[in-house]
Amino acid sequence: MRDVKKFRRSFRYAYEGLKYSLSTQQNMQFHFSVALLALMMAILFKLPKSEILFILLAVTLVIVCELINTAVEKAVDLAMPDRHPLAKIAKDVAAAAVLVSAVFAAIVGMVVFYEPIDRLIRQAGTGESVLTPGLIWTLVALVAMIVIVAQTRFSEKRLPIRPSLLTAVSFAISTWIALLTANSLIALLGYSLSIQLTFVLYDKRSRQLPALAAGAVIGSVMTALAFYLILVI
């Protein structure tokens, strides 16, 4: 009986550590969001079991390294509240472990999702003749208007996450590039620019990560939805 209680207690402590990291560490929130998106895409594209296992391995590795990084940072702050070269080295090495695991996860994602996304983009390229430049820019402006309405209509007291206008427009344009060119390399370059803009805004602390991610999702999803609705109509 004591062993059972001890196990339950240790499980609760582990859960509290995970909950603390998710509620206080923005990097952990970002990794969890990307992990959920990757798993949803794996289900959507009906990936085989072996590729899903690689995704789970990469996701688990990143989250574990981020948890260890948080633990090292708090332990170092407790032992050495003042600045010290050794404390900096400990934090830098722990952060490097997260970086290595994140690079590994990014490589796994590019390898696993390249072919299904490439097929999707090539299929979407068949509707290029239906669209005109005026219609495309009108739809981009519509995305911007919806985000502006969301920012002004819902105050922070009503809605804690207000989508970013810049990321919404940027990802809308990148999505149009991907859909119209039907070329995976060009699509990847377009999205790379949007992702770089997102990281620049996040690095400058001008907007929070959830707001940037919300803008990216709105821009991409609304553009893809408008494209396929136009094809159907």
Foldseek 3Di string as FASTA:
>chain_A
DVVVVVVVVVVVVVVVLVVVCCVPPQVLVVLVVVLVVLVVVCVVLVADPVLVVQLVVLSVQLNVLSSVLVVLLVVLCVVPVDDDPVSVVSNVVSVVSNVVSVVSNVVSSCVRCVVSLLVVLLVLQVCQVLDDPVVLVVLLVVLLVVLVCQDPVADCVRPVARADSLLLSQLLVLLVQSNNVSDSVSSVVSVVVSVVVLVVCVVVVVDRPRNHVVSNCSNNVSNVVVSVVSVVD
